[in-house]
């Protein structure tokens, strides 16, 4: 699926990586959108279209996703965090608003904790923080999905999406399907999946105002959200009904309204 003609597509060389990113542009406050696992930067297309009148938005493909790749055989969350830091510094975007979903929310949280001077505000969409190491089944799932999507045609992946996410917007279905195909065909695959952190030590280091978005059928429960926001320096959470883990696809209107209200 194409992106608006006024947006730009660029590539950026980081230490050990080659990162693709899209940018809406303009002399406006800067924002970076960080996607979840198996996705890519353009998965935020509808969100970016809704916000681009007020923000200069960067949508990057994480290392090993989309058209971004790693020169290193093994890489971890640390390299993915550093990629975002280098991109923000190189483009002179700081202080920047950071929105992250799932894996992207993990990276956003660590950005806020390690580099508070780079981050203006944080919005975290159903982070699903790992407090323990991924199980064998977790790792097997990603390996199986990679093989499956690599074997399947884009049409077959779209058929899976239609069955799994029947109520999604048509554009989001197209973007989800193409992102899975790009991820499966990306040769940068690392076995060093390391999302486990002592998050209770990381949360207090985040000083930027933070909005945690959770949902009715998401991963993060209300009780967990209530605990997390007490540990952040300055945070609140909003509960969104009629949505699961992919809030910005499953209840776009509620998601975007909460984002706009928080950024006023």
C-alpha atoms as a PDB file:
ATOM      1  CA  UNK A   1       0.000   0.000   0.000  1.00  0.00           C
ATOM      2  CA  UNK A   2       1.322   3.421  -0.927  1.00  0.00           C
ATOM      3  CA  UNK A   3       1.823   6.383   1.374  1.00  0.00           C
ATOM      4  CA  UNK A   4       0.892  10.040   0.719  1.00  0.00           C
ATOM      5  CA  UNK A   5       2.955  11.844  -1.935  1.00  0.00           C
ATOM      6  CA  UNK A   6       4.028  14.559   0.499  1.00  0.00           C
ATOM      7  CA  UNK A   7       5.702  12.009   2.793  1.00  0.00           C
ATOM      8  CA  UNK A   8       9.306  10.968   2.298  1.00  0.00           C
ATOM      9  CA  UNK A   9      11.008   7.588   2.530  1.00  0.00           C
ATOM     10  CA  UNK A  10      14.645   7.451   3.633  1.00  0.00           C
ATOM     11  CA  UNK A  11      17.304   5.086   4.941  1.00  0.00           C
ATOM     12  CA  UNK A  12      19.681   5.684   7.814  1.00  0.00           C
ATOM     13  CA  UNK A  13      22.888   3.837   8.685  1.00  0.00           C
ATOM     14  CA  UNK A  14      23.228   3.102  12.393  1.00  0.00           C
ATOM     15  CA  UNK A  15      26.003   1.192  14.139  1.00  0.00           C
ATOM     16  CA  UNK A  16      25.449  -2.271  12.737  1.00  0.00           C
ATOM     17  CA  UNK A  17      22.125  -1.559  11.081  1.00  0.00           C
ATOM     18  CA  UNK A  18      20.345  -0.074   8.070  1.00  0.00           C
ATOM     19  CA  UNK A  19      17.035   1.548   9.023  1.00  0.00           C
ATOM     20  CA  UNK A  20      14.155   2.545   6.752  1.00  0.00           C
ATOM     21  CA  UNK A  21      11.869   5.328   7.895  1.00  0.00           C
ATOM     22  CA  UNK A  22       8.997   7.411   6.573  1.00  0.00           C
ATOM     23  CA  UNK A  23       8.456  11.065   7.459  1.00  0.00           C
ATOM     24  CA  UNK A  24       5.475  13.366   7.100  1.00  0.00           C
ATOM     25  CA  UNK A  25       7.632  16.518   7.409  1.00  0.00           C
ATOM     26  CA  UNK A  26       6.954  20.152   8.227  1.00  0.00           C
ATOM     27  CA  UNK A  27       8.138  22.671  10.792  1.00  0.00           C
ATOM     28  CA  UNK A  28       6.147  21.164  13.665  1.00  0.00           C
ATOM     29  CA  UNK A  29       6.793  19.327  16.939  1.00  0.00           C
ATOM     30  CA  UNK A  30       8.499  15.985  16.285  1.00  0.00           C
ATOM     31  CA  UNK A  31       6.999  12.559  16.934  1.00  0.00           C
ATOM     32  CA  UNK A  32       8.307   9.034  16.365  1.00  0.00           C
ATOM     33  CA  UNK A  33       6.033   5.987  16.126  1.00  0.00           C
ATOM     34  CA  UNK A  34       7.510   2.613  17.139  1.00  0.00           C
ATOM     35  CA  UNK A  35       5.672  -0.488  15.934  1.00  0.00           C
ATOM     36  CA  UNK A  36       5.205  -3.913  17.477  1.00  0.00           C
ATOM     37  CA  UNK A  37       6.828  -7.243  16.591  1.00  0.00           C
ATOM     38  CA  UNK A  38       6.269  -8.540  13.038  1.00  0.00           C
ATOM     39  CA  UNK A  39       5.014  -5.109  11.971  1.00  0.00           C
ATOM     40  CA  UNK A  40       6.615  -2.114  10.257  1.00  0.00           C
ATOM     41  CA  UNK A  41       6.559   1.662  10.280  1.00  0.00           C
ATOM     42  CA  UNK A  42       3.654   1.997   7.872  1.00  0.00           C
ATOM     43  CA  UNK A  43       1.422   0.062  10.273  1.00  0.00           C
ATOM     44  CA  UNK A  44       0.904   3.527  11.790  1.00  0.00           C
ATOM     45  CA  UNK A  45      -0.353   5.006   8.503  1.00  0.00           C
ATOM     46  CA  UNK A  46      -3.870   5.897   9.684  1.00  0.00           C
ATOM     47  CA  UNK A  47      -2.531   7.303  12.951  1.00  0.00           C
ATOM     48  CA  UNK A  48       0.054   9.416  11.131  1.00  0.00           C
ATOM     49  CA  UNK A  49      -2.529  10.746   8.668  1.00  0.00           C
ATOM     50  CA  UNK A  50      -4.687  11.834  11.593  1.00  0.00           C
ATOM     51  CA  UNK A  51      -1.839  13.623  13.375  1.00  0.00           C
ATOM     52  CA  UNK A  52       0.352  14.991  10.570  1.00  0.00           C
ATOM     53  CA  UNK A  53      -1.342  18.398  10.486  1.00  0.00           C
ATOM     54  CA  UNK A  54       0.114  19.107  13.930  1.00  0.00           C
ATOM     55  CA  UNK A  55       3.286  16.995  14.045  1.00  0.00           C
ATOM     56  CA  UNK A  56       6.325  16.049  11.988  1.00  0.00           C
ATOM     57  CA  UNK A  57       6.023  12.262  12.264  1.00  0.00           C
ATOM     58  CA  UNK A  58       8.722   9.628  11.833  1.00  0.00           C
ATOM     59  CA  UNK A  59       7.683   5.991  11.262  1.00  0.00           C
ATOM     60  CA  UNK A  60      10.721   3.702  11.360  1.00  0.00           C
ATOM     61  CA  UNK A  61      11.040  -0.010  10.658  1.00  0.00           C
ATOM     62  CA  UNK A  62      12.701  -1.674  13.639  1.00  0.00           C
ATOM     63  CA  UNK A  63      15.838  -3.687  12.941  1.00  0.00           C
ATOM     64  CA  UNK A  64      14.850  -7.038  11.450  1.00  0.00           C
ATOM     65  CA  UNK A  65      11.445  -5.692  10.375  1.00  0.00           C
ATOM     66  CA  UNK A  66      10.154  -4.117   7.188  1.00  0.00           C
ATOM     67  CA  UNK A  67      13.122  -3.067   5.065  1.00  0.00           C
ATOM     68  CA  UNK A  68      15.482  -2.458   7.992  1.00  0.00           C
ATOM     69  CA  UNK A  69      18.215  -5.002   8.530  1.00  0.00           C
ATOM     70  CA  UNK A  70      21.182  -5.756  10.730  1.00  0.00           C
ATOM     71  CA  UNK A  71      24.787  -6.266   9.707  1.00  0.00           C
ATOM     72  CA  UNK A  72      25.210  -8.127  12.984  1.00  0.00           C
ATOM     73  CA  UNK A  73      24.190 -11.800  13.065  1.00  0.00           C
ATOM     74  CA  UNK A  74      22.785 -11.418  16.565  1.00  0.00           C
ATOM     75  CA  UNK A  75      21.097  -8.320  17.963  1.00  0.00           C
ATOM     76  CA  UNK A  76      18.902  -7.530  20.939  1.00  0.00           C
ATOM     77  CA  UNK A  77      16.535  -4.878  22.218  1.00  0.00           C
ATOM     78  CA  UNK A  78      19.613  -2.844  23.107  1.00  0.00           C
ATOM     79  CA  UNK A  79      20.584  -2.451  19.441  1.00  0.00           C
ATOM     80  CA  UNK A  80      16.989  -1.623  18.534  1.00  0.00           C
ATOM     81  CA  UNK A  81      16.880   1.081  21.219  1.00  0.00           C
ATOM     82  CA  UNK A  82      20.206   2.475  20.019  1.00  0.00           C
ATOM     83  CA  UNK A  83      18.882   2.612  16.439  1.00  0.00           C
ATOM     84  CA  UNK A  84      16.060   4.899  17.580  1.00  0.00           C
ATOM     85  CA  UNK A  85      18.441   7.051  19.621  1.00  0.00           C
ATOM     86  CA  UNK A  86      20.797   7.490  16.656  1.00  0.00           C
ATOM     87  CA  UNK A  87      17.900   8.319  14.341  1.00  0.00           C
ATOM     88  CA  UNK A  88      16.487  10.922  16.746  1.00  0.00           C
ATOM     89  CA  UNK A  89      19.912  12.533  17.230  1.00  0.00           C
ATOM     90  CA  UNK A  90      20.863  12.454  13.550  1.00  0.00           C
ATOM     91  CA  UNK A  91      17.617  14.112  12.470  1.00  0.00           C
ATOM     92  CA  UNK A  92      17.857  16.581  15.360  1.00  0.00           C
ATOM     93  CA  UNK A  93      14.361  15.736  16.577  1.00  0.00           C
ATOM     94  CA  UNK A  94      14.794  15.991  20.351  1.00  0.00           C
ATOM     95  CA  UNK A  95      12.914  16.507  22.506  1.00  0.00           C
ATOM     96  CA  UNK A  96      10.454  14.226  20.764  1.00  0.00           C
ATOM     97  CA  UNK A  97       7.057  12.649  21.441  1.00  0.00           C
ATOM     98  CA  UNK A  98       7.353   8.859  21.377  1.00  0.00           C
ATOM     99  CA  UNK A  99       4.422   6.512  20.753  1.00  0.00           C
ATOM    100  CA  UNK A 100       5.045   2.786  20.925  1.00  0.00           C
ATOM    101  CA  UNK A 101       2.911  -0.321  20.570  1.00  0.00           C
ATOM    102  CA  UNK A 102       3.824  -3.650  22.226  1.00  0.00           C
ATOM    103  CA  UNK A 103       7.525  -4.227  21.395  1.00  0.00           C
ATOM    104  CA  UNK A 104       7.686  -0.583  20.330  1.00  0.00           C
ATOM    105  CA  UNK A 105       6.305   0.427  23.733  1.00  0.00           C
ATOM    106  CA  UNK A 106       9.112  -1.540  25.427  1.00  0.00           C
ATOM    107  CA  UNK A 107      11.653   0.381  23.349  1.00  0.00           C
ATOM    108  CA  UNK A 108       9.858   3.670  24.036  1.00  0.00           C
ATOM    109  CA  UNK A 109       9.891   3.010  27.783  1.00  0.00           C
ATOM    110  CA  UNK A 110      13.631   2.371  27.781  1.00  0.00           C
ATOM    111  CA  UNK A 111      14.198   5.455  25.636  1.00  0.00           C
ATOM    112  CA  UNK A 112      12.410   7.520  28.247  1.00  0.00           C
ATOM    113  CA  UNK A 113      14.379   5.931  31.080  1.00  0.00           C
ATOM    114  CA  UNK A 114      17.872   5.948  29.543  1.00  0.00           C
ATOM    115  CA  UNK A 115      17.628   9.189  27.572  1.00  0.00           C
ATOM    116  CA  UNK A 116      15.164  11.482  29.380  1.00  0.00           C
ATOM    117  CA  UNK A 117      16.573  14.545  27.601  1.00  0.00           C
ATOM    118  CA  UNK A 118      15.471  13.109  24.240  1.00  0.00           C
ATOM    119  CA  UNK A 119      11.844  12.443  25.166  1.00  0.00           C
ATOM    120  CA  UNK A 120       9.120  15.049  25.540  1.00  0.00           C
ATOM    121  CA  UNK A 121       6.101  12.788  26.094  1.00  0.00           C
ATOM    122  CA  UNK A 122       5.460   9.034  26.007  1.00  0.00           C
ATOM    123  CA  UNK A 123       2.388   7.127  24.866  1.00  0.00           C
ATOM    124  CA  UNK A 124       2.511   3.370  25.468  1.00  0.00           C
ATOM    125  CA  UNK A 125      -0.049   1.135  23.753  1.00  0.00           C
ATOM    126  CA  UNK A 126      -0.614  -2.169  25.578  1.00  0.00           C
ATOM    127  CA  UNK A 127       3.078  -2.814  26.313  1.00  0.00           C
ATOM    128  CA  UNK A 128       2.722  -6.325  27.723  1.00  0.00           C
ATOM    129  CA  UNK A 129       6.011  -6.018  29.606  1.00  0.00           C
ATOM    130  CA  UNK A 130       8.065  -9.198  30.053  1.00  0.00           C
ATOM    131  CA  UNK A 131       9.080  -9.682  33.682  1.00  0.00           C
ATOM    132  CA  UNK A 132      10.315 -13.204  32.923  1.00  0.00           C
ATOM    133  CA  UNK A 133      12.290 -14.712  30.062  1.00  0.00           C
ATOM    134  CA  UNK A 134      10.228 -15.686  27.018  1.00  0.00           C
ATOM    135  CA  UNK A 135       9.122 -19.313  27.180  1.00  0.00           C
ATOM    136  CA  UNK A 136      10.026 -21.950  24.626  1.00  0.00           C
ATOM    137  CA  UNK A 137       6.495 -21.602  23.270  1.00  0.00           C
ATOM    138  CA  UNK A 138       6.964 -17.836  22.828  1.00  0.00           C
ATOM    139  CA  UNK A 139      10.130 -18.362  20.803  1.00  0.00           C
ATOM    140  CA  UNK A 140       8.631 -21.251  18.853  1.00  0.00           C
ATOM    141  CA  UNK A 141       5.632 -19.096  17.933  1.00  0.00           C
ATOM    142  CA  UNK A 142       7.792 -16.433  16.276  1.00  0.00           C
ATOM    143  CA  UNK A 143       9.870 -19.050  14.462  1.00  0.00           C
ATOM    144  CA  UNK A 144       6.728 -20.779  13.204  1.00  0.00           C
ATOM    145  CA  UNK A 145       5.159 -17.489  12.083  1.00  0.00           C
ATOM    146  CA  UNK A 146       8.315 -16.552  10.196  1.00  0.00           C
ATOM    147  CA  UNK A 147       8.310 -19.815   8.257  1.00  0.00           C
ATOM    148  CA  UNK A 148       4.575 -19.628   7.649  1.00  0.00           C
ATOM    149  CA  UNK A 149       4.513 -16.070   6.327  1.00  0.00           C
ATOM    150  CA  UNK A 150       7.599 -16.656   4.194  1.00  0.00           C
ATOM    151  CA  UNK A 151       5.915 -19.632   2.555  1.00  0.00           C
ATOM    152  CA  UNK A 152       2.539 -17.929   2.109  1.00  0.00           C
ATOM    153  CA  UNK A 153       1.720 -15.513  -0.659  1.00  0.00           C
ATOM    154  CA  UNK A 154       0.540 -12.024   0.232  1.00  0.00           C
ATOM    155  CA  UNK A 155      -2.966 -13.093  -0.769  1.00  0.00           C
ATOM    156  CA  UNK A 156      -2.872 -16.042   1.640  1.00  0.00           C
ATOM    157  CA  UNK A 157      -1.648 -13.825   4.473  1.00  0.00           C
ATOM    158  CA  UNK A 158      -4.454 -11.390   3.738  1.00  0.00           C
ATOM    159  CA  UNK A 159      -6.961 -14.245   3.944  1.00  0.00           C
ATOM    160  CA  UNK A 160      -5.605 -15.094   7.406  1.00  0.00           C
ATOM    161  CA  UNK A 161      -5.976 -11.472   8.431  1.00  0.00           C
ATOM    162  CA  UNK A 162      -9.563 -11.373   7.170  1.00  0.00           C
ATOM    163  CA  UNK A 163     -10.407 -14.388   9.348  1.00  0.00           C
ATOM    164  CA  UNK A 164      -8.586 -13.143  12.439  1.00  0.00           C
ATOM    165  CA  UNK A 165      -9.498  -9.450  12.297  1.00  0.00           C
ATOM    166  CA  UNK A 166     -12.843  -9.349  10.508  1.00  0.00           C
ATOM    167  CA  UNK A 167     -13.846  -5.906  11.790  1.00  0.00           C
ATOM    168  CA  UNK A 168     -10.597  -4.106  10.987  1.00  0.00           C
ATOM    169  CA  UNK A 169     -10.387  -1.212   8.564  1.00  0.00           C
ATOM    170  CA  UNK A 170      -9.449  -2.397   5.059  1.00  0.00           C
ATOM    171  CA  UNK A 171      -6.283  -0.260   5.000  1.00  0.00           C
ATOM    172  CA  UNK A 172      -5.107  -1.799   8.270  1.00  0.00           C
ATOM    173  CA  UNK A 173      -5.645  -5.298   6.868  1.00  0.00           C
ATOM    174  CA  UNK A 174      -3.515  -4.477   3.842  1.00  0.00           C
ATOM    175  CA  UNK A 175      -0.781  -2.978   6.023  1.00  0.00           C
ATOM    176  CA  UNK A 176      -0.813  -5.891   8.507  1.00  0.00           C
ATOM    177  CA  UNK A 177      -0.492  -8.416   5.695  1.00  0.00           C
ATOM    178  CA  UNK A 178       2.336  -6.651   3.866  1.00  0.00           C
ATOM    179  CA  UNK A 179       4.199  -6.068   7.142  1.00  0.00           C
ATOM    180  CA  UNK A 180       4.085  -9.794   7.971  1.00  0.00           C
ATOM    181  CA  UNK A 181       5.402 -10.669   4.543  1.00  0.00           C
ATOM    182  CA  UNK A 182       8.255  -8.148   4.796  1.00  0.00           C
ATOM    183  CA  UNK A 183       9.155  -9.407   8.275  1.00  0.00           C
ATOM    184  CA  UNK A 184       9.202 -13.042   7.162  1.00  0.00           C
ATOM    185  CA  UNK A 185      11.418 -12.261   4.178  1.00  0.00           C
ATOM    186  CA  UNK A 186      13.795 -10.030   6.158  1.00  0.00           C
ATOM    187  CA  UNK A 187      17.097 -11.894   6.434  1.00  0.00           C
ATOM    188  CA  UNK A 188      17.980 -10.164   9.707  1.00  0.00           C
ATOM    189  CA  UNK A 189      16.704 -12.637  12.268  1.00  0.00           C
ATOM    190  CA  UNK A 190      18.173 -12.774  15.742  1.00  0.00           C
ATOM    191  CA  UNK A 191      17.807 -15.559  18.281  1.00  0.00           C
ATOM    192  CA  UNK A 192      18.708 -13.080  21.027  1.00  0.00           C
ATOM    193  CA  UNK A 193      15.134 -12.121  21.904  1.00  0.00           C
ATOM    194  CA  UNK A 194      15.589 -10.387  25.245  1.00  0.00           C
ATOM    195  CA  UNK A 195      12.481  -8.440  26.293  1.00  0.00           C
ATOM    196  CA  UNK A 196      12.859  -9.408  29.964  1.00  0.00           C
ATOM    197  CA  UNK A 197      13.782  -6.437  32.116  1.00  0.00           C
ATOM    198  CA  UNK A 198      13.481  -5.387  35.727  1.00  0.00           C
ATOM    199  CA  UNK A 199      10.804  -2.956  34.654  1.00  0.00           C
ATOM    200  CA  UNK A 200      10.102  -1.895  38.232  1.00  0.00           C
ATOM    201  CA  UNK A 201      13.584  -0.340  38.273  1.00  0.00           C
ATOM    202  CA  UNK A 202      13.135   1.221  34.821  1.00  0.00           C
ATOM    203  CA  UNK A 203       9.719   2.868  35.312  1.00  0.00           C
ATOM    204  CA  UNK A 204      10.869   5.419  37.946  1.00  0.00           C
ATOM    205  CA  UNK A 205      13.614   6.648  35.606  1.00  0.00           C
ATOM    206  CA  UNK A 206      11.019   7.809  33.081  1.00  0.00           C
ATOM    207  CA  UNK A 207      10.434  11.496  33.786  1.00  0.00           C
ATOM    208  CA  UNK A 208       8.424  12.509  30.719  1.00  0.00           C
ATOM    209  CA  UNK A 209       4.626  12.724  31.041  1.00  0.00           C
ATOM    210  CA  UNK A 210       3.369   9.269  30.112  1.00  0.00           C
ATOM    211  CA  UNK A 211       0.051   7.919  28.890  1.00  0.00           C
ATOM    212  CA  UNK A 212      -0.515   4.176  29.163  1.00  0.00           C
ATOM    213  CA  UNK A 213      -3.302   2.896  26.907  1.00  0.00           C
ATOM    214  CA  UNK A 214      -4.809  -0.457  27.821  1.00  0.00           C
ATOM    215  CA  UNK A 215      -7.871  -2.233  26.523  1.00  0.00           C
ATOM    216  CA  UNK A 216     -10.713  -4.580  27.296  1.00  0.00           C
ATOM    217  CA  UNK A 217      -9.073  -7.608  25.654  1.00  0.00           C
ATOM    218  CA  UNK A 218      -5.441  -6.503  25.734  1.00  0.00           C
ATOM    219  CA  UNK A 219      -2.429  -7.901  27.569  1.00  0.00           C
ATOM    220  CA  UNK A 220      -2.021  -5.303  30.343  1.00  0.00           C
ATOM    221  CA  UNK A 221      -4.722  -5.604  32.997  1.00  0.00           C
ATOM    222  CA  UNK A 222      -6.219  -2.679  34.915  1.00  0.00           C
ATOM    223  CA  UNK A 223      -4.590  -3.804  38.166  1.00  0.00           C
ATOM    224  CA  UNK A 224      -1.190  -3.863  36.443  1.00  0.00           C
ATOM    225  CA  UNK A 225      -1.736  -0.459  34.851  1.00  0.00           C
ATOM    226  CA  UNK A 226      -2.687   1.019  38.206  1.00  0.00           C
ATOM    227  CA  UNK A 227       0.540  -0.308  39.687  1.00  0.00           C
ATOM    228  CA  UNK A 228       2.715   0.817  36.772  1.00  0.00           C
ATOM    229  CA  UNK A 229       1.559   4.433  36.806  1.00  0.00           C
ATOM    230  CA  UNK A 230       2.504   4.775  40.477  1.00  0.00           C
ATOM    231  CA  UNK A 231       6.054   3.774  39.554  1.00  0.00           C
ATOM    232  CA  UNK A 232       6.480   6.161  36.625  1.00  0.00           C
ATOM    233  CA  UNK A 233       7.483   9.722  37.406  1.00  0.00           C
ATOM    234  CA  UNK A 234       4.377  11.295  35.860  1.00  0.00           C
ATOM    235  CA  UNK A 235       1.864   8.905  34.314  1.00  0.00           C
ATOM    236  CA  UNK A 236      -1.786   8.044  33.879  1.00  0.00           C
ATOM    237  CA  UNK A 237      -3.668   5.324  32.064  1.00  0.00           C
ATOM    238  CA  UNK A 238      -6.811   5.136  29.966  1.00  0.00           C
ATOM    239  CA  UNK A 239      -8.936   2.018  29.493  1.00  0.00           C
ATOM    240  CA  UNK A 240     -10.353   1.510  25.991  1.00  0.00           C
ATOM    241  CA  UNK A 241     -13.319  -0.750  25.401  1.00  0.00           C
ATOM    242  CA  UNK A 242     -14.004  -2.865  22.327  1.00  0.00           C
ATOM    243  CA  UNK A 243     -10.336  -3.454  21.583  1.00  0.00           C
ATOM    244  CA  UNK A 244      -7.638  -6.054  22.078  1.00  0.00           C
ATOM    245  CA  UNK A 245      -3.861  -5.821  21.846  1.00  0.00           C
ATOM    246  CA  UNK A 246      -3.930  -3.783  18.612  1.00  0.00           C
ATOM    247  CA  UNK A 247      -5.816  -0.815  20.017  1.00  0.00           C
ATOM    248  CA  UNK A 248      -5.068   1.637  17.203  1.00  0.00           C
ATOM    249  CA  UNK A 249      -6.498  -0.825  14.708  1.00  0.00           C
ATOM    250  CA  UNK A 250      -9.407  -2.184  16.731  1.00  0.00           C
ATOM    251  CA  UNK A 251     -10.795   1.034  18.182  1.00  0.00           C
ATOM    252  CA  UNK A 252      -9.090   3.738  16.171  1.00  0.00           C
ATOM    253  CA  UNK A 253     -11.435   6.554  17.182  1.00  0.00           C
ATOM    254  CA  UNK A 254     -10.956   5.985  20.924  1.00  0.00           C
ATOM    255  CA  UNK A 255      -7.204   5.582  20.465  1.00  0.00           C
ATOM    256  CA  UNK A 256      -6.728   8.766  18.467  1.00  0.00           C
ATOM    257  CA  UNK A 257      -9.024  10.815  20.716  1.00  0.00           C
ATOM    258  CA  UNK A 258      -7.025   9.799  23.796  1.00  0.00           C
ATOM    259  CA  UNK A 259      -3.754  10.594  22.028  1.00  0.00           C
ATOM    260  CA  UNK A 260      -4.931  14.034  20.897  1.00  0.00           C
ATOM    261  CA  UNK A 261      -6.301  14.883  24.327  1.00  0.00           C
ATOM    262  CA  UNK A 262      -3.021  13.918  25.993  1.00  0.00           C
ATOM    263  CA  UNK A 263      -0.954  15.968  23.547  1.00  0.00           C
ATOM    264  CA  UNK A 264      -2.958  19.185  23.927  1.00  0.00           C
END
